[in-house]
Amino acid sequence: MTAVSDPNRVWTVGEVAEHIAVGGSGPLIVGSPQRVADELQQWIEETDIDGFNLAYAVAPDTIKDIVELLIPVLQERGIYKTEYTPGTLREKLFNQDRLLQHPHPAASYRI
């Protein structure tokens, strides 16, 4: 198969289906946790990106493999956090406490 970025490539429906059958239309990295970590680390170093959107090929096994096998390798290399900063998502995004304020519709539903 020629490169996806080949501007002269004329794709058949079958070729497109085969290409996106595993992993979608984004880049596909397959291999050991160290091999996948090598590729992700290279992207980080070359582009200064600060995150990835990872997709699964087989649920739930792919996510389990990412959590149990890949994340520890990335953490050992210092390119994946080992803990989260304290606070709720609302506090982190909006600098607000846990209580919703008026006029938010849910503010009137407090126990």
PDB file of N, CA and C in Angstrom:
ATOM      1  N   MET A   1       0.858  -1.187   0.000  1.00  0.00           N
ATOM      2  CA  MET A   1       0.000   0.000   0.000  1.00  0.00           C
ATOM      3  C   MET A   1       0.891   1.234   0.000  1.00  0.00           C
ATOM      4  N   THR A   2       0.578   2.182  -0.809  1.00  0.00           N
ATOM      5  CA  THR A   2       1.350   3.417  -0.837  1.00  0.00           C
ATOM      6  C   THR A   2       0.935   4.298   0.329  1.00  0.00           C
ATOM      7  N   ALA A   3       1.714   5.309   0.555  1.00  0.00           N
ATOM      8  CA  ALA A   3       1.453   6.208   1.680  1.00  0.00           C
ATOM      9  C   ALA A   3       0.096   6.880   1.545  1.00  0.00           C
ATOM     10  N   VAL A   4      -0.534   7.097   2.682  1.00  0.00           N
ATOM     11  CA  VAL A   4      -1.839   7.751   2.713  1.00  0.00           C
ATOM     12  C   VAL A   4      -1.737   9.164   2.156  1.00  0.00           C
ATOM     13  N   SER A   5      -0.596   9.801   2.345  1.00  0.00           N
ATOM     14  CA  SER A   5      -0.445  11.190   1.919  1.00  0.00           C
ATOM     15  C   SER A   5      -0.101  11.337   0.443  1.00  0.00           C
ATOM     16  N   ASP A   6      -0.095  10.251  -0.308  1.00  0.00           N
ATOM     17  CA  ASP A   6       0.203  10.295  -1.735  1.00  0.00           C
ATOM     18  C   ASP A   6      -0.922  11.030  -2.461  1.00  0.00           C
ATOM     19  N   PRO A   7      -0.663  12.249  -2.974  1.00  0.00           N
ATOM     20  CA  PRO A   7      -1.732  13.027  -3.612  1.00  0.00           C
ATOM     21  C   PRO A   7      -2.210  12.440  -4.934  1.00  0.00           C
ATOM     22  N   ASN A   8      -1.450  11.530  -5.523  1.00  0.00           N
ATOM     23  CA  ASN A   8      -1.820  10.951  -6.805  1.00  0.00           C
ATOM     24  C   ASN A   8      -2.544   9.621  -6.666  1.00  0.00           C
ATOM     25  N   ARG A   9      -2.717   9.180  -5.446  1.00  0.00           N
ATOM     26  CA  ARG A   9      -3.348   7.877  -5.205  1.00  0.00           C
ATOM     27  C   ARG A   9      -4.845   7.962  -5.459  1.00  0.00           C
ATOM     28  N   VAL A  10      -5.356   7.014  -6.213  1.00  0.00           N
ATOM     29  CA  VAL A  10      -6.791   6.886  -6.412  1.00  0.00           C
ATOM     30  C   VAL A  10      -7.223   5.655  -5.626  1.00  0.00           C
ATOM     31  N   TRP A  11      -8.001   5.883  -4.580  1.00  0.00           N
ATOM     32  CA  TRP A  11      -8.397   4.818  -3.662  1.00  0.00           C
ATOM     33  C   TRP A  11      -9.678   4.149  -4.139  1.00  0.00           C
ATOM     34  N   THR A  12      -9.720   2.846  -4.030  1.00  0.00           N
ATOM     35  CA  THR A  12     -10.976   2.137  -4.248  1.00  0.00           C
ATOM     36  C   THR A  12     -11.706   2.077  -2.920  1.00  0.00           C
ATOM     37  N   VAL A  13     -12.995   1.812  -2.946  1.00  0.00           N
ATOM     38  CA  VAL A  13     -13.766   1.688  -1.717  1.00  0.00           C
ATOM     39  C   VAL A  13     -13.181   0.583  -0.840  1.00  0.00           C
ATOM     40  N   GLY A  14     -12.803  -0.520  -1.446  1.00  0.00           N
ATOM     41  CA  GLY A  14     -12.221  -1.632  -0.689  1.00  0.00           C
ATOM     42  C   GLY A  14     -10.913  -1.266  -0.020  1.00  0.00           C
ATOM     43  N   GLU A  15     -10.073  -0.482  -0.694  1.00  0.00           N
ATOM     44  CA  GLU A  15      -8.799  -0.056  -0.102  1.00  0.00           C
ATOM     45  C   GLU A  15      -9.019   0.876   1.080  1.00  0.00           C
ATOM     46  N   VAL A  16      -9.965   1.780   0.951  1.00  0.00           N
ATOM     47  CA  VAL A  16     -10.277   2.681   2.064  1.00  0.00           C
ATOM     48  C   VAL A  16     -10.798   1.872   3.246  1.00  0.00           C
ATOM     49  N   ALA A  17     -11.702   0.949   3.003  1.00  0.00           N
ATOM     50  CA  ALA A  17     -12.251   0.118   4.077  1.00  0.00           C
ATOM     51  C   ALA A  17     -11.153  -0.685   4.754  1.00  0.00           C
ATOM     52  N   GLU A  18     -10.255  -1.249   3.975  1.00  0.00           N
ATOM     53  CA  GLU A  18      -9.146  -2.024   4.543  1.00  0.00           C
ATOM     54  C   GLU A  18      -8.228  -1.132   5.366  1.00  0.00           C
ATOM     55  N   HIS A  19      -7.967   0.067   4.870  1.00  0.00           N
ATOM     56  CA  HIS A  19      -7.053   0.985   5.544  1.00  0.00           C
ATOM     57  C   HIS A  19      -7.585   1.438   6.901  1.00  0.00           C
ATOM     58  N   ILE A  20      -8.867   1.720   6.990  1.00  0.00           N
ATOM     59  CA  ILE A  20      -9.415   2.231   8.255  1.00  0.00           C
ATOM     60  C   ILE A  20     -10.041   1.140   9.110  1.00  0.00           C
ATOM     61  N   ALA A  21      -9.919  -0.116   8.696  1.00  0.00           N
ATOM     62  CA  ALA A  21     -10.546  -1.213   9.442  1.00  0.00           C
ATOM     63  C   ALA A  21      -9.995  -1.342  10.853  1.00  0.00           C
ATOM     64  N   VAL A  22      -8.730  -1.098  11.034  1.00  0.00           N
ATOM     65  CA  VAL A  22      -8.113  -1.172  12.364  1.00  0.00           C
ATOM     66  C   VAL A  22      -7.540   0.191  12.688  1.00  0.00           C
ATOM     67  N   GLY A  23      -8.043   0.822  13.755  1.00  0.00           N
ATOM     68  CA  GLY A  23      -7.468   2.076  14.206  1.00  0.00           C
ATOM     69  C   GLY A  23      -8.028   3.325  13.577  1.00  0.00           C
ATOM     70  N   GLY A  24      -8.954   3.216  12.664  1.00  0.00           N
ATOM     71  CA  GLY A  24      -9.531   4.411  12.065  1.00  0.00           C
ATOM     72  C   GLY A  24      -8.615   5.014  11.022  1.00  0.00           C
ATOM     73  N   SER A  25      -8.817   6.276  10.708  1.00  0.00           N
ATOM     74  CA  SER A  25      -8.063   6.915   9.638  1.00  0.00           C
ATOM     75  C   SER A  25      -6.808   7.615  10.130  1.00  0.00           C
ATOM     76  N   GLY A  26      -6.550   7.586  11.429  1.00  0.00           N
ATOM     77  CA  GLY A  26      -5.342   8.210  11.964  1.00  0.00           C
ATOM     78  C   GLY A  26      -4.160   7.276  11.895  1.00  0.00           C
ATOM     79  N   PRO A  27      -3.003   7.744  12.341  1.00  0.00           N
ATOM     80  CA  PRO A  27      -1.809   6.903  12.344  1.00  0.00           C
ATOM     81  C   PRO A  27      -2.026   5.655  13.197  1.00  0.00           C
ATOM     82  N   LEU A  28      -1.450   4.561  12.782  1.00  0.00           N
ATOM     83  CA  LEU A  28      -1.589   3.288  13.477  1.00  0.00           C
ATOM     84  C   LEU A  28      -0.210   2.851  13.943  1.00  0.00           C
ATOM     85  N   ILE A  29      -0.059   2.669  15.258  1.00  0.00           N
ATOM     86  CA  ILE A  29       1.204   2.205  15.829  1.00  0.00           C
ATOM     87  C   ILE A  29       0.952   0.828  16.422  1.00  0.00           C
ATOM     88  N   VAL A  30       1.723  -0.140  15.994  1.00  0.00           N
ATOM     89  CA  VAL A  30       1.578  -1.504  16.466  1.00  0.00           C
ATOM     90  C   VAL A  30       2.934  -1.986  16.941  1.00  0.00           C
ATOM     91  N   GLY A  31       2.939  -2.683  18.076  1.00  0.00           N
ATOM     92  CA  GLY A  31       4.190  -3.246  18.559  1.00  0.00           C
ATOM     93  C   GLY A  31       4.197  -3.356  20.064  1.00  0.00           C
ATOM     94  N   SER A  32       5.365  -3.578  20.599  1.00  0.00           N
ATOM     95  CA  SER A  32       5.536  -3.711  22.043  1.00  0.00           C
ATOM     96  C   SER A  32       5.255  -2.364  22.704  1.00  0.00           C
ATOM     97  N   PRO A  33       5.022  -2.367  24.019  1.00  0.00           N
ATOM     98  CA  PRO A  33       4.836  -1.082  24.714  1.00  0.00           C
ATOM     99  C   PRO A  33       6.025  -0.140  24.495  1.00  0.00           C
ATOM    100  N   GLN A  34       7.229  -0.688  24.463  1.00  0.00           N
ATOM    101  CA  GLN A  34       8.414   0.146  24.249  1.00  0.00           C
ATOM    102  C   GLN A  34       8.410   0.745  22.840  1.00  0.00           C
ATOM    103  N   ARG A  35       8.006  -0.026  21.862  1.00  0.00           N
ATOM    104  CA  ARG A  35       7.951   0.454  20.471  1.00  0.00           C
ATOM    105  C   ARG A  35       6.917   1.564  20.319  1.00  0.00           C
ATOM    106  N   VAL A  36       5.741   1.361  20.906  1.00  0.00           N
ATOM    107  CA  VAL A  36       4.693   2.381  20.831  1.00  0.00           C
ATOM    108  C   VAL A  36       5.141   3.634  21.581  1.00  0.00           C
ATOM    109  N   ALA A  37       5.754   3.449  22.755  1.00  0.00           N
ATOM    110  CA  ALA A  37       6.250   4.588  23.532  1.00  0.00           C
ATOM    111  C   ALA A  37       7.325   5.344  22.754  1.00  0.00           C
ATOM    112  N   ASP A  38       8.197   4.613  22.055  1.00  0.00           N
ATOM    113  CA  ASP A  38       9.228   5.260  21.238  1.00  0.00           C
ATOM    114  C   ASP A  38       8.600   6.202  20.213  1.00  0.00           C
ATOM    115  N   GLU A  39       7.562   5.717  19.541  1.00  0.00           N
ATOM    116  CA  GLU A  39       6.899   6.513  18.502  1.00  0.00           C
ATOM    117  C   GLU A  39       6.212   7.739  19.108  1.00  0.00           C
ATOM    118  N   LEU A  40       5.472   7.534  20.197  1.00  0.00           N
ATOM    119  CA  LEU A  40       4.788   8.664  20.839  1.00  0.00           C
ATOM    120  C   LEU A  40       5.801   9.677  21.356  1.00  0.00           C
ATOM    121  N   GLN A  41       6.888   9.199  21.944  1.00  0.00           N
ATOM    122  CA  GLN A  41       7.912  10.102  22.461  1.00  0.00           C
ATOM    123  C   GLN A  41       8.548  10.901  21.321  1.00  0.00           C
ATOM    124  N   GLN A  42       8.761  10.269  20.196  1.00  0.00           N
ATOM    125  CA  GLN A  42       9.321  10.977  19.049  1.00  0.00           C
ATOM    126  C   GLN A  42       8.390  12.106  18.602  1.00  0.00           C
ATOM    127  N   TRP A  43       7.087  11.827  18.570  1.00  0.00           N
ATOM    128  CA  TRP A  43       6.120  12.873  18.201  1.00  0.00           C
ATOM    129  C   TRP A  43       6.176  14.030  19.191  1.00  0.00           C
ATOM    130  N   ILE A  44       6.263  13.713  20.476  1.00  0.00           N
ATOM    131  CA  ILE A  44       6.325  14.753  21.505  1.00  0.00           C
ATOM    132  C   ILE A  44       7.560  15.617  21.299  1.00  0.00           C
ATOM    133  N   GLU A  45       8.699  14.974  21.109  1.00  0.00           N
ATOM    134  CA  GLU A  45       9.958  15.711  20.975  1.00  0.00           C
ATOM    135  C   GLU A  45      10.008  16.537  19.697  1.00  0.00           C
ATOM    136  N   GLU A  46       9.444  16.033  18.611  1.00  0.00           N
ATOM    137  CA  GLU A  46       9.525  16.734  17.330  1.00  0.00           C
ATOM    138  C   GLU A  46       8.473  17.822  17.167  1.00  0.00           C
ATOM    139  N   THR A  47       7.337  17.687  17.842  1.00  0.00           N
ATOM    140  CA  THR A  47       6.235  18.622  17.598  1.00  0.00           C
ATOM    141  C   THR A  47       5.783  19.394  18.828  1.00  0.00           C
ATOM    142  N   ASP A  48       6.263  19.011  20.013  1.00  0.00           N
ATOM    143  CA  ASP A  48       5.875  19.648  21.268  1.00  0.00           C
ATOM    144  C   ASP A  48       4.384  19.501  21.563  1.00  0.00           C
ATOM    145  N   ILE A  49       3.775  18.417  21.076  1.00  0.00           N
ATOM    146  CA  ILE A  49       2.376  18.167  21.411  1.00  0.00           C
ATOM    147  C   ILE A  49       2.276  17.806  22.886  1.00  0.00           C
ATOM    148  N   ASP A  50       1.099  17.996  23.458  1.00  0.00           N
ATOM    149  CA  ASP A  50       0.946  17.725  24.887  1.00  0.00           C
ATOM    150  C   ASP A  50      -0.120  16.678  25.182  1.00  0.00           C
ATOM    151  N   GLY A  51      -0.512  15.908  24.185  1.00  0.00           N
ATOM    152  CA  GLY A  51      -1.500  14.872  24.442  1.00  0.00           C
ATOM    153  C   GLY A  51      -1.842  14.104  23.181  1.00  0.00           C
ATOM    154  N   PHE A  52      -2.547  12.997  23.385  1.00  0.00           N
ATOM    155  CA  PHE A  52      -2.946  12.129  22.290  1.00  0.00           C
ATOM    156  C   PHE A  52      -4.402  11.727  22.473  1.00  0.00           C
ATOM    157  N   ASN A  53      -5.089  11.500  21.397  1.00  0.00           N
ATOM    158  CA  ASN A  53      -6.399  10.857  21.418  1.00  0.00           C
ATOM    159  C   ASN A  53      -6.174   9.433  20.922  1.00  0.00           C
ATOM    160  N   LEU A  54      -6.256   8.487  21.830  1.00  0.00           N
ATOM    161  CA  LEU A  54      -6.000   7.096  21.483  1.00  0.00           C
ATOM    162  C   LEU A  54      -7.314   6.385  21.223  1.00  0.00           C
ATOM    163  N   ALA A  55      -7.326   5.552  20.216  1.00  0.00           N
ATOM    164  CA  ALA A  55      -8.517   4.784  19.868  1.00  0.00           C
ATOM    165  C   ALA A  55      -8.232   3.308  20.085  1.00  0.00           C
ATOM    166  N   TYR A  56      -9.271   2.549  20.262  1.00  0.00           N
ATOM    167  CA  TYR A  56      -9.090   1.115  20.470  1.00  0.00           C
ATOM    168  C   TYR A  56      -9.359   0.348  19.192  1.00  0.00           C
ATOM    169  N   ALA A  57      -8.684  -0.790  19.072  1.00  0.00           N
ATOM    170  CA  ALA A  57      -8.949  -1.694  17.966  1.00  0.00           C
ATOM    171  C   ALA A  57      -9.866  -2.811  18.424  1.00  0.00           C
ATOM    172  N   VAL A  58      -9.650  -3.286  19.624  1.00  0.00           N
ATOM    173  CA  VAL A  58     -10.465  -4.338  20.214  1.00  0.00           C
ATOM    174  C   VAL A  58     -10.825  -3.896  21.624  1.00  0.00           C
ATOM    175  N   ALA A  59     -12.104  -3.708  21.898  1.00  0.00           N
ATOM    176  CA  ALA A  59     -12.536  -3.260  23.223  1.00  0.00           C
ATOM    177  C   ALA A  59     -12.881  -4.478  24.064  1.00  0.00           C
ATOM    178  N   PRO A  60     -12.595  -4.521  25.334  1.00  0.00           N
ATOM    179  CA  PRO A  60     -11.842  -3.530  26.108  1.00  0.00           C
ATOM    180  C   PRO A  60     -10.352  -3.805  26.148  1.00  0.00           C
ATOM    181  N   ASP A  61      -9.877  -4.808  25.440  1.00  0.00           N
ATOM    182  CA  ASP A  61      -8.478  -5.215  25.567  1.00  0.00           C
ATOM    183  C   ASP A  61      -7.479  -4.127  25.206  1.00  0.00           C
ATOM    184  N   THR A  62      -7.745  -3.343  24.172  1.00  0.00           N
ATOM    185  CA  THR A  62      -6.791  -2.310  23.778  1.00  0.00           C
ATOM    186  C   THR A  62      -6.613  -1.296  24.887  1.00  0.00           C
ATOM    187  N   ILE A  63      -7.701  -0.826  25.483  1.00  0.00           N
ATOM    188  CA  ILE A  63      -7.607   0.166  26.562  1.00  0.00           C
ATOM    189  C   ILE A  63      -6.887  -0.436  27.757  1.00  0.00           C
ATOM    190  N   LYS A  64      -7.186  -1.687  28.069  1.00  0.00           N
ATOM    191  CA  LYS A  64      -6.510  -2.370  29.174  1.00  0.00           C
ATOM    192  C   LYS A  64      -5.006  -2.433  28.902  1.00  0.00           C
ATOM    193  N   ASP A  65      -4.621  -2.779  27.690  1.00  0.00           N
ATOM    194  CA  ASP A  65      -3.202  -2.830  27.335  1.00  0.00           C
ATOM    195  C   ASP A  65      -2.548  -1.461  27.451  1.00  0.00           C
ATOM    196  N   ILE A  66      -3.242  -0.419  27.033  1.00  0.00           N
ATOM    197  CA  ILE A  66      -2.697   0.939  27.146  1.00  0.00           C
ATOM    198  C   ILE A  66      -2.442   1.269  28.614  1.00  0.00           C
ATOM    199  N   VAL A  67      -3.436   1.008  29.460  1.00  0.00           N
ATOM    200  CA  VAL A  67      -3.322   1.349  30.883  1.00  0.00           C
ATOM    201  C   VAL A  67      -2.261   0.504  31.583  1.00  0.00           C
ATOM    202  N   GLU A  68      -2.268  -0.792  31.327  1.00  0.00           N
ATOM    203  CA  GLU A  68      -1.385  -1.692  32.076  1.00  0.00           C
ATOM    204  C   GLU A  68       0.020  -1.815  31.487  1.00  0.00           C
ATOM    205  N   LEU A  69       0.171  -1.605  30.186  1.00  0.00           N
ATOM    206  CA  LEU A  69       1.473  -1.836  29.555  1.00  0.00           C
ATOM    207  C   LEU A  69       2.147  -0.559  29.044  1.00  0.00           C
ATOM    208  N   LEU A  70       1.396   0.304  28.355  1.00  0.00           N
ATOM    209  CA  LEU A  70       1.996   1.486  27.747  1.00  0.00           C
ATOM    210  C   LEU A  70       2.214   2.626  28.736  1.00  0.00           C
ATOM    211  N   ILE A  71       1.198   2.943  29.521  1.00  0.00           N
ATOM    212  CA  ILE A  71       1.304   4.077  30.452  1.00  0.00           C
ATOM    213  C   ILE A  71       2.497   3.933  31.396  1.00  0.00           C
ATOM    214  N   PRO A  72       2.739   2.748  31.996  1.00  0.00           N
ATOM    215  CA  PRO A  72       3.920   2.644  32.868  1.00  0.00           C
ATOM    216  C   PRO A  72       5.241   2.962  32.151  1.00  0.00           C
ATOM    217  N   VAL A  73       5.371   2.567  30.884  1.00  0.00           N
ATOM    218  CA  VAL A  73       6.592   2.876  30.128  1.00  0.00           C
ATOM    219  C   VAL A  73       6.708   4.384  29.927  1.00  0.00           C
ATOM    220  N   LEU A  74       5.604   5.029  29.562  1.00  0.00           N
ATOM    221  CA  LEU A  74       5.621   6.482  29.380  1.00  0.00           C
ATOM    222  C   LEU A  74       5.926   7.199  30.688  1.00  0.00           C
ATOM    223  N   GLN A  75       5.386   6.695  31.796  1.00  0.00           N
ATOM    224  CA  GLN A  75       5.665   7.297  33.107  1.00  0.00           C
ATOM    225  C   GLN A  75       7.132   7.138  33.481  1.00  0.00           C
ATOM    226  N   GLU A  76       7.713   5.974  33.220  1.00  0.00           N
ATOM    227  CA  GLU A  76       9.139   5.761  33.503  1.00  0.00           C
ATOM    228  C   GLU A  76      10.008   6.752  32.733  1.00  0.00           C
ATOM    229  N   ARG A  77       9.574   7.117  31.555  1.00  0.00           N
ATOM    230  CA  ARG A  77      10.316   8.063  30.722  1.00  0.00           C
ATOM    231  C   ARG A  77      10.033   9.514  31.097  1.00  0.00           C
ATOM    232  N   GLY A  78       9.089   9.735  32.005  1.00  0.00           N
ATOM    233  CA  GLY A  78       8.766  11.088  32.440  1.00  0.00           C
ATOM    234  C   GLY A  78       7.914  11.873  31.467  1.00  0.00           C
ATOM    235  N   ILE A  79       7.203  11.182  30.584  1.00  0.00           N
ATOM    236  CA  ILE A  79       6.378  11.899  29.597  1.00  0.00           C
ATOM    237  C   ILE A  79       4.887  11.633  29.793  1.00  0.00           C
ATOM    238  N   TYR A  80       4.534  11.068  30.940  1.00  0.00           N
ATOM    239  CA  TYR A  80       3.126  10.877  31.281  1.00  0.00           C
ATOM    240  C   TYR A  80       2.985  11.080  32.775  1.00  0.00           C
ATOM    241  N   LYS A  81       1.976  11.831  33.175  1.00  0.00           N
ATOM    242  CA  LYS A  81       1.818  12.169  34.591  1.00  0.00           C
ATOM    243  C   LYS A  81       1.636  10.925  35.453  1.00  0.00           C
ATOM    244  N   THR A  82       2.090  11.035  36.681  1.00  0.00           N
ATOM    245  CA  THR A  82       1.943   9.945  37.645  1.00  0.00           C
ATOM    246  C   THR A  82       0.877  10.249  38.680  1.00  0.00           C
ATOM    247  N   GLU A  83       0.411  11.485  38.702  1.00  0.00           N
ATOM    248  CA  GLU A  83      -0.687  11.858  39.598  1.00  0.00           C
ATOM    249  C   GLU A  83      -1.394  13.081  39.034  1.00  0.00           C
ATOM    250  N   TYR A  84      -2.597  13.290  39.523  1.00  0.00           N
ATOM    251  CA  TYR A  84      -3.399  14.426  39.072  1.00  0.00           C
ATOM    252  C   TYR A  84      -3.364  15.524  40.112  1.00  0.00           C
ATOM    253  N   THR A  85      -3.460  16.764  39.650  1.00  0.00           N
ATOM    254  CA  THR A  85      -3.554  17.869  40.597  1.00  0.00           C
ATOM    255  C   THR A  85      -4.902  17.801  41.289  1.00  0.00           C
ATOM    256  N   PRO A  86      -4.963  18.189  42.556  1.00  0.00           N
ATOM    257  CA  PRO A  86      -6.235  18.104  43.282  1.00  0.00           C
ATOM    258  C   PRO A  86      -7.279  19.059  42.716  1.00  0.00           C
ATOM    259  N   GLY A  87      -8.535  18.704  42.939  1.00  0.00           N
ATOM    260  CA  GLY A  87      -9.636  19.557  42.520  1.00  0.00           C
ATOM    261  C   GLY A  87     -10.551  18.875  41.525  1.00  0.00           C
ATOM    262  N   THR A  88     -11.739  19.429  41.424  1.00  0.00           N
ATOM    263  CA  THR A  88     -12.716  18.908  40.484  1.00  0.00           C
ATOM    264  C   THR A  88     -12.433  19.470  39.093  1.00  0.00           C
ATOM    265  N   LEU A  89     -13.039  18.867  38.096  1.00  0.00           N
ATOM    266  CA  LEU A  89     -12.882  19.368  36.733  1.00  0.00           C
ATOM    267  C   LEU A  89     -13.405  20.801  36.643  1.00  0.00           C
ATOM    268  N   ARG A  90     -14.523  21.071  37.311  1.00  0.00           N
ATOM    269  CA  ARG A  90     -15.087  22.421  37.288  1.00  0.00           C
ATOM    270  C   ARG A  90     -14.089  23.431  37.873  1.00  0.00           C
ATOM    271  N   GLU A  91     -13.417  23.041  38.949  1.00  0.00           N
ATOM    272  CA  GLU A  91     -12.431  23.939  39.546  1.00  0.00           C
ATOM    273  C   GLU A  91     -11.257  24.174  38.601  1.00  0.00           C
ATOM    274  N   LYS A  92     -10.843  23.124  37.916  1.00  0.00           N
ATOM    275  CA  LYS A  92      -9.699  23.248  37.016  1.00  0.00           C
ATOM    276  C   LYS A  92     -10.038  24.056  35.771  1.00  0.00           C
ATOM    277  N   LEU A  93     -11.247  23.882  35.253  1.00  0.00           N
ATOM    278  CA  LEU A  93     -11.628  24.583  34.030  1.00  0.00           C
ATOM    279  C   LEU A  93     -12.084  26.012  34.266  1.00  0.00           C
ATOM    280  N   PHE A  94     -12.877  26.202  35.330  1.00  0.00           N
ATOM    281  CA  PHE A  94     -13.542  27.496  35.524  1.00  0.00           C
ATOM    282  C   PHE A  94     -13.149  28.217  36.800  1.00  0.00           C
ATOM    283  N   ASN A  95     -12.252  27.613  37.580  1.00  0.00           N
ATOM    284  CA  ASN A  95     -11.825  28.209  38.844  1.00  0.00           C
ATOM    285  C   ASN A  95     -13.017  28.487  39.758  1.00  0.00           C
ATOM    286  N   GLN A  96     -13.936  27.540  39.810  1.00  0.00           N
ATOM    287  CA  GLN A  96     -15.117  27.651  40.665  1.00  0.00           C
ATOM    288  C   GLN A  96     -15.167  26.458  41.604  1.00  0.00           C
ATOM    289  N   ASP A  97     -15.818  26.657  42.738  1.00  0.00           N
ATOM    290  CA  ASP A  97     -15.986  25.535  43.654  1.00  0.00           C
ATOM    291  C   ASP A  97     -17.023  24.560  43.083  1.00  0.00           C
ATOM    292  N   ARG A  98     -17.323  23.540  43.852  1.00  0.00           N
ATOM    293  CA  ARG A  98     -18.215  22.480  43.384  1.00  0.00           C
ATOM    294  C   ARG A  98     -19.662  22.933  43.229  1.00  0.00           C
ATOM    295  N   LEU A  99     -20.054  23.967  43.887  1.00  0.00           N
ATOM    296  CA  LEU A  99     -21.453  24.388  43.829  1.00  0.00           C
ATOM    297  C   LEU A  99     -21.717  25.238  42.598  1.00  0.00           C
ATOM    298  N   LEU A 100     -22.731  24.876  41.886  1.00  0.00           N
ATOM    299  CA  LEU A 100     -23.143  25.661  40.731  1.00  0.00           C
ATOM    300  C   LEU A 100     -23.811  26.942  41.197  1.00  0.00           C
ATOM    301  N   GLN A 101     -23.599  27.970  40.459  1.00  0.00           N
ATOM    302  CA  GLN A 101     -24.151  29.271  40.808  1.00  0.00           C
ATOM    303  C   GLN A 101     -25.374  29.573  39.942  1.00  0.00           C
ATOM    304  N   HIS A 102     -26.245  30.430  40.451  1.00  0.00           N
ATOM    305  CA  HIS A 102     -27.360  30.911  39.644  1.00  0.00           C
ATOM    306  C   HIS A 102     -26.778  31.758  38.523  1.00  0.00           C
ATOM    307  N   PRO A 103     -27.255  31.692  37.340  1.00  0.00           N
ATOM    308  CA  PRO A 103     -28.522  31.181  36.870  1.00  0.00           C
ATOM    309  C   PRO A 103     -28.452  29.753  36.326  1.00  0.00           C
ATOM    310  N   HIS A 104     -27.423  28.980  36.634  1.00  0.00           N
ATOM    311  CA  HIS A 104     -27.358  27.620  36.129  1.00  0.00           C
ATOM    312  C   HIS A 104     -28.587  26.849  36.595  1.00  0.00           C
ATOM    313  N   PRO A 105     -29.292  26.133  35.705  1.00  0.00           N
ATOM    314  CA  PRO A 105     -30.530  25.435  36.062  1.00  0.00           C
ATOM    315  C   PRO A 105     -30.371  24.431  37.203  1.00  0.00           C
ATOM    316  N   ALA A 106     -29.212  23.810  37.308  1.00  0.00           N
ATOM    317  CA  ALA A 106     -29.020  22.792  38.344  1.00  0.00           C
ATOM    318  C   ALA A 106     -28.712  23.391  39.710  1.00  0.00           C
ATOM    319  N   ALA A 107     -28.498  24.724  39.782  1.00  0.00           N
ATOM    320  CA  ALA A 107     -28.161  25.355  41.056  1.00  0.00           C
ATOM    321  C   ALA A 107     -29.290  25.224  42.081  1.00  0.00           C
ATOM    322  N   SER A 108     -30.521  25.085  41.642  1.00  0.00           N
ATOM    323  CA  SER A 108     -31.644  24.990  42.577  1.00  0.00           C
ATOM    324  C   SER A 108     -31.847  23.568  43.108  1.00  0.00           C
ATOM    325  N   TYR A 109     -31.080  22.611  42.620  1.00  0.00           N
ATOM    326  CA  TYR A 109     -31.219  21.218  43.047  1.00  0.00           C
ATOM    327  C   TYR A 109     -30.107  20.824  44.011  1.00  0.00           C
ATOM    328  N   ARG A 110     -30.114  21.401  45.185  1.00  0.00           N
ATOM    329  CA  ARG A 110     -29.116  21.093  46.204  1.00  0.00           C
ATOM    330  C   ARG A 110     -29.776  20.352  47.348  1.00  0.00           C
ATOM    331  N   ILE A 111     -29.030  19.443  47.912  1.00  0.00           N
ATOM    332  CA  ILE A 111     -29.547  18.675  49.046  1.00  0.00           C
ATOM    333  C   ILE A 111     -29.166  19.347  50.346  1.00  0.00           C
TER     334      ILE A 111
END
